[in-house]
PDB file of N, CA and C in Angstrom:
ATOM      1  N   UNK A   1     148.978  20.818 150.473  1.00  0.00           N
ATOM      2  CA  UNK A   1     148.442  20.785 149.034  1.00  0.00           C
ATOM      3  C   UNK A   1     149.343  22.772 148.120  1.00  0.00           C
ATOM      4  N   UNK A   2     149.871  22.330 147.600  1.00  0.00           N
ATOM      5  CA  UNK A   2     151.123  23.288 146.866  1.00  0.00           C
ATOM      6  C   UNK A   2     150.005  24.448 145.567  1.00  0.00           C
ATOM      7  N   UNK A   3     149.575  25.939 146.139  1.00  0.00           N
ATOM      8  CA  UNK A   3     149.029  26.356 145.186  1.00  0.00           C
ATOM      9  C   UNK A   3     149.659  27.110 144.605  1.00  0.00           C
ATOM     10  N   UNK A   4     150.676  26.801 144.460  1.00  0.00           N
ATOM     11  CA  UNK A   4     152.114  27.980 143.634  1.00  0.00           C
ATOM     12  C   UNK A   4     151.123  28.305 142.308  1.00  0.00           C
ATOM     13  N   UNK A   5     150.944  27.737 141.549  1.00  0.00           N
ATOM     14  CA  UNK A   5     150.582  27.613 140.440  1.00  0.00           C
ATOM     15  C   UNK A   5     149.308  28.189 140.321  1.00  0.00           C
ATOM     16  N   UNK A   6     148.174  27.773 141.113  1.00  0.00           N
ATOM     17  CA  UNK A   6     147.024  28.610 141.096  1.00  0.00           C
ATOM     18  C   UNK A   6     146.871  29.925 140.012  1.00  0.00           C
ATOM     19  N   UNK A   7     145.963  29.307 139.133  1.00  0.00           N
ATOM     20  CA  UNK A   7     145.392  30.542 138.327  1.00  0.00           C
ATOM     21  C   UNK A   7     143.882  31.490 138.858  1.00  0.00           C
ATOM     22  N   UNK A   8     144.116  32.262 139.607  1.00  0.00           N
ATOM     23  CA  UNK A   8     142.819  32.690 140.148  1.00  0.00           C
ATOM     24  C   UNK A   8     142.149  33.599 139.519  1.00  0.00           C
ATOM     25  N   UNK A   9     140.686  33.319 139.525  1.00  0.00           N
ATOM     26  CA  UNK A   9     139.696  34.365 138.788  1.00  0.00           C
ATOM     27  C   UNK A   9     138.176  34.254 139.557  1.00  0.00           C
ATOM     28  N   UNK A  10     137.806  35.381 139.287  1.00  0.00           N
ATOM     29  CA  UNK A  10     136.079  35.911 139.754  1.00  0.00           C
ATOM     30  C   UNK A  10     135.531  35.803 138.948  1.00  0.00           C
ATOM     31  N   UNK A  11     134.382  35.569 139.139  1.00  0.00           N
ATOM     32  CA  UNK A  11     133.047  35.926 138.627  1.00  0.00           C
ATOM     33  C   UNK A  11     132.721  36.854 137.958  1.00  0.00           C
ATOM     34  N   UNK A  12     132.090  36.520 136.660  1.00  0.00           N
ATOM     35  CA  UNK A  12     131.653  37.686 136.035  1.00  0.00           C
ATOM     36  C   UNK A  12     130.891  38.473 136.255  1.00  0.00           C
ATOM     37  N   UNK A  13     129.973  37.944 137.148  1.00  0.00           N
ATOM     38  CA  UNK A  13     128.734  38.494 137.890  1.00  0.00           C
ATOM     39  C   UNK A  13     128.708  39.095 139.152  1.00  0.00           C
ATOM     40  N   UNK A  14     130.292  38.893 139.491  1.00  0.00           N
ATOM     41  CA  UNK A  14     130.604  39.390 140.825  1.00  0.00           C
ATOM     42  C   UNK A  14     130.270  40.941 140.698  1.00  0.00           C
ATOM     43  N   UNK A  15     130.154  41.924 141.921  1.00  0.00           N
ATOM     44  CA  UNK A  15     129.670  42.909 142.675  1.00  0.00           C
ATOM     45  C   UNK A  15     130.534  43.831 142.916  1.00  0.00           C
ATOM     46  N   UNK A  16     130.206  44.862 143.076  1.00  0.00           N
ATOM     47  CA  UNK A  16     131.407  45.823 144.022  1.00  0.00           C
ATOM     48  C   UNK A  16     132.573  45.955 143.254  1.00  0.00           C
ATOM     49  N   UNK A  17     132.702  45.648 142.228  1.00  0.00           N
ATOM     50  CA  UNK A  17     134.005  45.710 141.291  1.00  0.00           C
ATOM     51  C   UNK A  17     134.680  44.324 141.489  1.00  0.00           C
ATOM     52  N   UNK A  18     134.279  43.257 142.335  1.00  0.00           N
ATOM     53  CA  UNK A  18     134.638  42.364 142.157  1.00  0.00           C
ATOM     54  C   UNK A  18     135.591  41.736 143.821  1.00  0.00           C
ATOM     55  N   UNK A  19     135.216  43.034 144.333  1.00  0.00           N
ATOM     56  CA  UNK A  19     136.005  43.037 145.741  1.00  0.00           C
ATOM     57  C   UNK A  19     135.277  42.356 147.046  1.00  0.00           C
ATOM     58  N   UNK A  20     134.119  41.584 147.180  1.00  0.00           N
ATOM     59  CA  UNK A  20     133.556  41.113 147.760  1.00  0.00           C
ATOM     60  C   UNK A  20     132.881  40.026 147.156  1.00  0.00           C
ATOM     61  N   UNK A  21     133.953  39.033 146.715  1.00  0.00           N
ATOM     62  CA  UNK A  21     132.763  37.827 146.256  1.00  0.00           C
ATOM     63  C   UNK A  21     134.317  36.498 146.493  1.00  0.00           C
ATOM     64  N   UNK A  22     134.139  35.899 145.611  1.00  0.00           N
ATOM     65  CA  UNK A  22     135.330  34.290 145.650  1.00  0.00           C
ATOM     66  C   UNK A  22     135.694  34.344 144.778  1.00  0.00           C
ATOM     67  N   UNK A  23     137.175  33.179 144.629  1.00  0.00           N
ATOM     68  CA  UNK A  23     138.050  33.187 143.674  1.00  0.00           C
ATOM     69  C   UNK A  23     138.557  31.530 143.469  1.00  0.00           C
ATOM     70  N   UNK A  24     138.272  31.915 142.303  1.00  0.00           N
ATOM     71  CA  UNK A  24     138.257  29.937 141.984  1.00  0.00           C
ATOM     72  C   UNK A  24     139.369  29.865 141.155  1.00  0.00           C
ATOM     73  N   UNK A  25     140.219  29.180 141.094  1.00  0.00           N
ATOM     74  CA  UNK A  25     141.500  28.354 140.695  1.00  0.00           C
ATOM     75  C   UNK A  25     140.992  27.337 139.961  1.00  0.00           C
ATOM     76  N   UNK A  26     140.799  26.770 138.462  1.00  0.00           N
ATOM     77  CA  UNK A  26     140.591  25.542 137.597  1.00  0.00           C
ATOM     78  C   UNK A  26     141.792  25.260 137.045  1.00  0.00           C
ATOM     79  N   UNK A  27     142.797  25.653 137.560  1.00  0.00           N
ATOM     80  CA  UNK A  27     143.848  25.093 136.214  1.00  0.00           C
ATOM     81  C   UNK A  27     144.694  23.617 137.185  1.00  0.00           C
ATOM     82  N   UNK A  28     143.999  23.490 138.398  1.00  0.00           N
ATOM     83  CA  UNK A  28     145.325  22.829 139.235  1.00  0.00           C
ATOM     84  C   UNK A  28     144.696  21.464 138.568  1.00  0.00           C
ATOM     85  N   UNK A  29     145.424  20.809 139.134  1.00  0.00           N
ATOM     86  CA  UNK A  29     145.823  19.073 138.410  1.00  0.00           C
ATOM     87  C   UNK A  29     144.765  18.737 139.433  1.00  0.00           C
ATOM     88  N   UNK A  30     143.544  17.817 139.310  1.00  0.00           N
ATOM     89  CA  UNK A  30     142.917  17.083 140.335  1.00  0.00           C
ATOM     90  C   UNK A  30     142.258  18.030 141.799  1.00  0.00           C
ATOM     91  N   UNK A  31     142.369  18.893 141.499  1.00  0.00           N
ATOM     92  CA  UNK A  31     141.602  19.713 142.428  1.00  0.00           C
ATOM     93  C   UNK A  31     141.321  21.276 142.015  1.00  0.00           C
ATOM     94  N   UNK A  32     140.030  21.855 142.571  1.00  0.00           N
ATOM     95  CA  UNK A  32     139.368  22.712 142.518  1.00  0.00           C
ATOM     96  C   UNK A  32     139.389  23.965 143.598  1.00  0.00           C
ATOM     97  N   UNK A  33     140.285  24.779 143.841  1.00  0.00           N
ATOM     98  CA  UNK A  33     140.379  25.662 145.093  1.00  0.00           C
ATOM     99  C   UNK A  33     139.916  27.258 144.700  1.00  0.00           C
ATOM    100  N   UNK A  34     139.059  26.994 146.253  1.00  0.00           N
ATOM    101  CA  UNK A  34     138.136  28.292 146.195  1.00  0.00           C
ATOM    102  C   UNK A  34     138.957  29.188 147.318  1.00  0.00           C
ATOM    103  N   UNK A  35     138.520  30.387 147.072  1.00  0.00           N
ATOM    104  CA  UNK A  35     139.031  31.452 148.234  1.00  0.00           C
ATOM    105  C   UNK A  35     138.767  32.716 148.106  1.00  0.00           C
ATOM    106  N   UNK A  36     138.531  32.937 149.495  1.00  0.00           N
ATOM    107  CA  UNK A  36     137.570  34.855 149.925  1.00  0.00           C
ATOM    108  C   UNK A  36     138.229  35.828 149.277  1.00  0.00           C
ATOM    109  N   UNK A  37     137.713  36.337 148.176  1.00  0.00           N
ATOM    110  CA  UNK A  37     138.397  37.626 147.769  1.00  0.00           C
ATOM    111  C   UNK A  37     139.064  38.632 148.541  1.00  0.00           C
ATOM    112  N   UNK A  38     138.061  38.573 149.823  1.00  0.00           N
ATOM    113  CA  UNK A  38     139.016  39.836 150.401  1.00  0.00           C
ATOM    114  C   UNK A  38     140.128  38.873 151.835  1.00  0.00           C
ATOM    115  N   UNK A  39     140.233  37.940 151.775  1.00  0.00           N
ATOM    116  CA  UNK A  39     141.300  37.680 152.289  1.00  0.00           C
ATOM    117  C   UNK A  39     142.222  36.502 151.696  1.00  0.00           C
ATOM    118  N   UNK A  40     142.821  36.885 150.971  1.00  0.00           N
ATOM    119  CA  UNK A  40     143.643  35.619 149.256  1.00  0.00           C
ATOM    120  C   UNK A  40     144.288  34.818 150.410  1.00  0.00           C
ATOM    121  N   UNK A  41     145.083  35.427 151.396  1.00  0.00           N
ATOM    122  CA  UNK A  41     146.446  34.530 151.912  1.00  0.00           C
ATOM    123  C   UNK A  41     145.437  33.895 153.110  1.00  0.00           C
ATOM    124  N   UNK A  42     143.901  33.583 153.367  1.00  0.00           N
ATOM    125  CA  UNK A  42     143.202  32.829 153.724  1.00  0.00           C
ATOM    126  C   UNK A  42     143.184  31.441 153.865  1.00  0.00           C
ATOM    127  N   UNK A  43     142.544  30.679 153.946  1.00  0.00           N
ATOM    128  CA  UNK A  43     141.916  29.384 154.136  1.00  0.00           C
ATOM    129  C   UNK A  43     141.301  29.604 152.491  1.00  0.00           C
ATOM    130  N   UNK A  44     142.065  28.243 151.586  1.00  0.00           N
ATOM    131  CA  UNK A  44     141.465  27.550 150.948  1.00  0.00           C
ATOM    132  C   UNK A  44     140.194  26.579 151.062  1.00  0.00           C
ATOM    133  N   UNK A  45     139.448  26.781 150.386  1.00  0.00           N
ATOM    134  CA  UNK A  45     138.739  25.396 150.334  1.00  0.00           C
ATOM    135  C   UNK A  45     139.042  24.341 149.176  1.00  0.00           C
ATOM    136  N   UNK A  46     138.941  23.485 149.127  1.00  0.00           N
ATOM    137  CA  UNK A  46     139.750  22.437 147.959  1.00  0.00           C
ATOM    138  C   UNK A  46     138.657  21.193 147.982  1.00  0.00           C
ATOM    139  N   UNK A  47     138.298  21.316 146.353  1.00  0.00           N
ATOM    140  CA  UNK A  47     137.403  20.184 145.911  1.00  0.00           C
ATOM    141  C   UNK A  47     137.223  19.662 144.747  1.00  0.00           C
ATOM    142  N   UNK A  48     137.338  18.072 144.914  1.00  0.00           N
ATOM    143  CA  UNK A  48     137.616  17.283 143.345  1.00  0.00           C
ATOM    144  C   UNK A  48     136.584  17.732 142.544  1.00  0.00           C
ATOM    145  N   UNK A  49     137.338  17.287 141.426  1.00  0.00           N
ATOM    146  CA  UNK A  49     136.648  17.925 140.294  1.00  0.00           C
ATOM    147  C   UNK A  49     135.399  17.734 139.882  1.00  0.00           C
ATOM    148  N   UNK A  50     134.999  16.189 140.159  1.00  0.00           N
ATOM    149  CA  UNK A  50     133.552  16.023 140.091  1.00  0.00           C
ATOM    150  C   UNK A  50     131.989  16.603 141.395  1.00  0.00           C
ATOM    151  N   UNK A  51     133.084  17.048 141.871  1.00  0.00           N
ATOM    152  CA  UNK A  51     132.536  17.353 143.463  1.00  0.00           C
ATOM    153  C   UNK A  51     131.571  18.862 143.006  1.00  0.00           C
ATOM    154  N   UNK A  52     132.937  19.778 142.655  1.00  0.00           N
ATOM    155  CA  UNK A  52     132.671  20.916 142.004  1.00  0.00           C
ATOM    156  C   UNK A  52     131.823  20.941 140.772  1.00  0.00           C
ATOM    157  N   UNK A  53     132.049  20.174 140.146  1.00  0.00           N
ATOM    158  CA  UNK A  53     130.817  20.400 139.009  1.00  0.00           C
ATOM    159  C   UNK A  53     129.882  20.106 139.279  1.00  0.00           C
ATOM    160  N   UNK A  54     129.723  18.908 140.710  1.00  0.00           N
ATOM    161  CA  UNK A  54     127.915  19.273 141.293  1.00  0.00           C
ATOM    162  C   UNK A  54     127.140  19.936 141.849  1.00  0.00           C
ATOM    163  N   UNK A  55     128.480  20.516 142.169  1.00  0.00           N
ATOM    164  CA  UNK A  55     127.935  22.058 143.625  1.00  0.00           C
ATOM    165  C   UNK A  55     127.573  22.954 142.153  1.00  0.00           C
ATOM    166  N   UNK A  56     128.276  23.357 141.243  1.00  0.00           N
ATOM    167  CA  UNK A  56     127.783  24.342 140.191  1.00  0.00           C
ATOM    168  C   UNK A  56     126.279  23.827 139.384  1.00  0.00           C
ATOM    169  N   UNK A  57     126.467  22.458 138.947  1.00  0.00           N
ATOM    170  CA  UNK A  57     124.901  22.490 138.770  1.00  0.00           C
ATOM    171  C   UNK A  57     123.983  22.802 139.480  1.00  0.00           C
ATOM    172  N   UNK A  58     124.167  22.283 140.611  1.00  0.00           N
ATOM    173  CA  UNK A  58     123.357  22.605 141.918  1.00  0.00           C
ATOM    174  C   UNK A  58     122.838  23.998 141.856  1.00  0.00           C
ATOM    175  N   UNK A  59     123.925  24.562 141.885  1.00  0.00           N
ATOM    176  CA  UNK A  59     123.568  26.563 142.226  1.00  0.00           C
ATOM    177  C   UNK A  59     122.726  26.703 140.852  1.00  0.00           C
ATOM    178  N   UNK A  60     123.541  26.408 139.656  1.00  0.00           N
ATOM    179  CA  UNK A  60     122.684  26.700 138.177  1.00  0.00           C
ATOM    180  C   UNK A  60     121.155  26.558 138.492  1.00  0.00           C
ATOM    181  N   UNK A  61     120.943  25.199 138.992  1.00  0.00           N
ATOM    182  CA  UNK A  61     119.376  24.677 138.741  1.00  0.00           C
ATOM    183  C   UNK A  61     118.419  25.343 140.103  1.00  0.00           C
ATOM    184  N   UNK A  62     119.263  26.262 140.713  1.00  0.00           N
ATOM    185  CA  UNK A  62     118.237  26.569 142.030  1.00  0.00           C
ATOM    186  C   UNK A  62     118.196  25.397 142.859  1.00  0.00           C
ATOM    187  N   UNK A  63     118.772  24.277 143.180  1.00  0.00           N
ATOM    188  CA  UNK A  63     118.852  23.282 143.952  1.00  0.00           C
ATOM    189  C   UNK A  63     119.640  23.728 145.244  1.00  0.00           C
ATOM    190  N   UNK A  64     120.388  24.645 145.147  1.00  0.00           N
ATOM    191  CA  UNK A  64     120.867  24.886 146.838  1.00  0.00           C
ATOM    192  C   UNK A  64     120.163  25.934 147.330  1.00  0.00           C
ATOM    193  N   UNK A  65     119.271  25.775 148.665  1.00  0.00           N
ATOM    194  CA  UNK A  65     119.231  27.238 148.764  1.00  0.00           C
ATOM    195  C   UNK A  65     119.553  26.908 150.781  1.00  0.00           C
ATOM    196  N   UNK A  66     119.341  28.069 151.105  1.00  0.00           N
ATOM    197  CA  UNK A  66     119.990  28.799 152.502  1.00  0.00           C
ATOM    198  C   UNK A  66     118.919  28.137 153.408  1.00  0.00           C
ATOM    199  N   UNK A  67     119.371  27.457 154.724  1.00  0.00           N
ATOM    200  CA  UNK A  67     118.707  26.443 155.313  1.00  0.00           C
ATOM    201  C   UNK A  67     117.746  27.275 156.433  1.00  0.00           C
ATOM    202  N   UNK A  68     116.672  26.956 156.857  1.00  0.00           N
ATOM    203  CA  UNK A  68     115.388  27.743 157.462  1.00  0.00           C
ATOM    204  C   UNK A  68     116.461  27.885 159.044  1.00  0.00           C
TER     205      UNK A  68
END
């Protein structure tokens, strides 16, 4: 996957000056990329736009929770 054109951004709710959060690139065609802000050269998760929208909806409504 070519991420050379990715424009990465952090959440406005990032704590600690944004050094311990994830970054997301939503400007790529047909993919939303997510990476760890502490390891920018490390692995990247890639989601289809519909999957990303579903994840955000679940996170916003509190439907996501850590396993017991």
